[in-house]
Amino acid sequence: MGHCCLGDLPPAIGLAPDADAVRLIDVLLLTKKTGRIVAGYEVEHTPSICSEIVP
């Protein structure tokens, strides 16, 4: 992990009822002040997805 990555989710997210689903998201962008999720991204490595994205 990079120097800006967290080892664990902030308690407000990590202890939420749906935290297990949130942990399955590849990349989460959090606000620095509140630790709230502002964006989530899935990283796909399958050839079919990559062939659609990369010409």
N, C-alpha and C. Protein backbone atom coordinates (compact mmCIF):
# COMPACT_ATOMS: atom_id res chain seq x y z
N MET A 1 0.84 -1.19 0.00
CA MET A 1 0.00 0.00 0.00
C MET A 1 0.88 1.24 0.00
N GLY A 2 0.32 2.31 -0.54
CA GLY A 2 1.04 3.58 -0.57
C GLY A 2 0.96 4.32 0.74
N HIS A 3 1.68 5.41 0.80
CA HIS A 3 1.72 6.18 2.05
C HIS A 3 0.39 6.86 2.38
N CYS A 4 -0.50 6.98 1.43
CA CYS A 4 -1.81 7.60 1.68
C CYS A 4 -2.91 6.56 1.91
N CYS A 5 -2.54 5.29 1.99
CA CYS A 5 -3.52 4.23 2.16
C CYS A 5 -3.72 3.92 3.64
N LEU A 6 -4.95 3.59 3.98
CA LEU A 6 -5.27 3.19 5.35
C LEU A 6 -5.17 1.67 5.48
N GLY A 7 -4.76 1.21 6.64
CA GLY A 7 -4.71 -0.22 6.89
C GLY A 7 -6.08 -0.80 7.20
N ASP A 8 -6.95 0.02 7.76
CA ASP A 8 -8.30 -0.39 8.14
C ASP A 8 -9.28 0.72 7.78
N LEU A 9 -10.53 0.34 7.64
CA LEU A 9 -11.57 1.34 7.42
C LEU A 9 -11.77 2.16 8.69
N PRO A 10 -12.14 3.44 8.56
CA PRO A 10 -12.48 4.23 9.74
C PRO A 10 -13.63 3.55 10.48
N PRO A 11 -13.67 3.66 11.82
CA PRO A 11 -14.71 2.98 12.60
C PRO A 11 -16.14 3.24 12.12
N ALA A 12 -16.43 4.46 11.70
CA ALA A 12 -17.80 4.78 11.26
C ALA A 12 -18.21 3.92 10.06
N ILE A 13 -17.25 3.53 9.24
CA ILE A 13 -17.53 2.69 8.08
C ILE A 13 -17.33 1.22 8.43
N GLY A 14 -16.23 0.92 9.10
CA GLY A 14 -15.88 -0.46 9.42
C GLY A 14 -16.85 -1.16 10.35
N LEU A 15 -17.56 -0.40 11.16
CA LEU A 15 -18.52 -0.99 12.10
C LEU A 15 -19.97 -0.91 11.62
N ALA A 16 -20.18 -0.34 10.44
CA ALA A 16 -21.53 -0.21 9.89
C ALA A 16 -22.09 -1.59 9.54
N PRO A 17 -23.41 -1.74 9.51
CA PRO A 17 -24.02 -3.04 9.21
C PRO A 17 -23.60 -3.64 7.87
N ASP A 18 -23.33 -2.81 6.87
CA ASP A 18 -22.95 -3.31 5.55
C ASP A 18 -21.45 -3.19 5.28
N ALA A 19 -20.65 -3.15 6.31
CA ALA A 19 -19.20 -2.99 6.17
C ALA A 19 -18.56 -4.13 5.36
N ASP A 20 -19.09 -5.33 5.46
CA ASP A 20 -18.51 -6.45 4.70
C ASP A 20 -18.62 -6.19 3.20
N ALA A 21 -19.71 -5.61 2.75
CA ALA A 21 -19.87 -5.29 1.33
C ALA A 21 -18.92 -4.17 0.92
N VAL A 22 -18.74 -3.19 1.78
CA VAL A 22 -17.84 -2.07 1.49
C VAL A 22 -16.40 -2.58 1.35
N ARG A 23 -16.02 -3.55 2.16
CA ARG A 23 -14.66 -4.10 2.09
C ARG A 23 -14.36 -4.80 0.76
N LEU A 24 -15.38 -5.17 0.02
CA LEU A 24 -15.19 -5.82 -1.28
C LEU A 24 -14.89 -4.84 -2.41
N ILE A 25 -15.06 -3.55 -2.17
CA ILE A 25 -14.79 -2.53 -3.18
C ILE A 25 -13.28 -2.35 -3.27
N ASP A 26 -12.75 -2.34 -4.51
CA ASP A 26 -11.30 -2.28 -4.71
C ASP A 26 -10.66 -1.00 -4.22
N VAL A 27 -11.24 0.15 -4.56
CA VAL A 27 -10.65 1.45 -4.20
C VAL A 27 -11.74 2.33 -3.63
N LEU A 28 -11.48 2.90 -2.46
CA LEU A 28 -12.39 3.85 -1.84
C LEU A 28 -11.67 5.18 -1.66
N LEU A 29 -12.32 6.27 -2.05
CA LEU A 29 -11.78 7.59 -1.77
C LEU A 29 -12.55 8.16 -0.59
N LEU A 30 -11.81 8.57 0.44
CA LEU A 30 -12.41 9.09 1.66
C LEU A 30 -12.02 10.55 1.86
N THR A 31 -12.89 11.31 2.52
CA THR A 31 -12.52 12.68 2.86
C THR A 31 -11.52 12.64 4.00
N LYS A 32 -10.59 13.58 3.97
CA LYS A 32 -9.55 13.62 5.00
C LYS A 32 -10.13 14.01 6.36
N LYS A 33 -11.06 14.98 6.36
CA LYS A 33 -11.61 15.48 7.62
C LYS A 33 -12.55 14.49 8.30
N THR A 34 -13.50 13.94 7.54
CA THR A 34 -14.54 13.12 8.16
C THR A 34 -14.38 11.62 7.94
N GLY A 35 -13.57 11.23 6.95
CA GLY A 35 -13.41 9.81 6.67
C GLY A 35 -14.60 9.21 5.95
N ARG A 36 -15.49 10.05 5.42
CA ARG A 36 -16.65 9.55 4.68
C ARG A 36 -16.24 9.15 3.27
N ILE A 37 -16.94 8.16 2.73
CA ILE A 37 -16.67 7.70 1.37
C ILE A 37 -17.24 8.72 0.38
N VAL A 38 -16.39 9.17 -0.56
CA VAL A 38 -16.87 10.07 -1.60
C VAL A 38 -16.91 9.39 -2.96
N ALA A 39 -16.17 8.28 -3.12
CA ALA A 39 -16.19 7.54 -4.38
C ALA A 39 -15.67 6.14 -4.14
N GLY A 40 -16.12 5.22 -4.97
CA GLY A 40 -15.63 3.85 -4.93
C GLY A 40 -15.40 3.36 -6.34
N TYR A 41 -14.34 2.58 -6.53
CA TYR A 41 -13.99 2.09 -7.86
C TYR A 41 -13.69 0.60 -7.81
N GLU A 42 -14.09 -0.08 -8.86
CA GLU A 42 -13.77 -1.49 -9.04
C GLU A 42 -12.69 -1.57 -10.11
N VAL A 43 -11.68 -2.37 -9.88
CA VAL A 43 -10.61 -2.55 -10.84
C VAL A 43 -10.81 -3.92 -11.48
N GLU A 44 -11.02 -3.93 -12.79
CA GLU A 44 -11.28 -5.17 -13.51
C GLU A 44 -10.03 -5.61 -14.25
N HIS A 45 -9.73 -6.89 -14.17
CA HIS A 45 -8.56 -7.44 -14.83
C HIS A 45 -8.92 -8.51 -15.86
N THR A 46 -10.19 -8.68 -16.11
CA THR A 46 -10.59 -9.72 -17.05
C THR A 46 -10.38 -9.24 -18.49
N PRO A 47 -9.95 -10.09 -19.39
CA PRO A 47 -9.71 -9.68 -20.78
C PRO A 47 -10.92 -9.06 -21.46
N SER A 48 -12.11 -9.58 -21.17
CA SER A 48 -13.30 -9.04 -21.85
C SER A 48 -13.55 -7.59 -21.46
N ILE A 49 -13.36 -7.26 -20.20
CA ILE A 49 -13.53 -5.88 -19.75
C ILE A 49 -12.43 -5.00 -20.33
N CYS A 50 -11.19 -5.45 -20.24
CA CYS A 50 -10.06 -4.67 -20.74
C CYS A 50 -10.17 -4.42 -22.24
N SER A 51 -10.63 -5.40 -22.99
CA SER A 51 -10.75 -5.21 -24.43
C SER A 51 -11.80 -4.17 -24.80
N GLU A 52 -12.77 -3.97 -23.94
CA GLU A 52 -13.79 -2.95 -24.18
C GLU A 52 -13.29 -1.56 -23.83
N ILE A 53 -12.35 -1.48 -22.89
CA ILE A 53 -11.85 -0.18 -22.43
C ILE A 53 -10.66 0.27 -23.26
N VAL A 54 -9.73 -0.63 -23.52
CA VAL A 54 -8.49 -0.30 -24.24
C VAL A 54 -8.65 -0.69 -25.71
N PRO A 55 -8.52 0.29 -26.63
CA PRO A 55 -8.69 -0.04 -28.05
C PRO A 55 -7.56 -0.89 -28.59
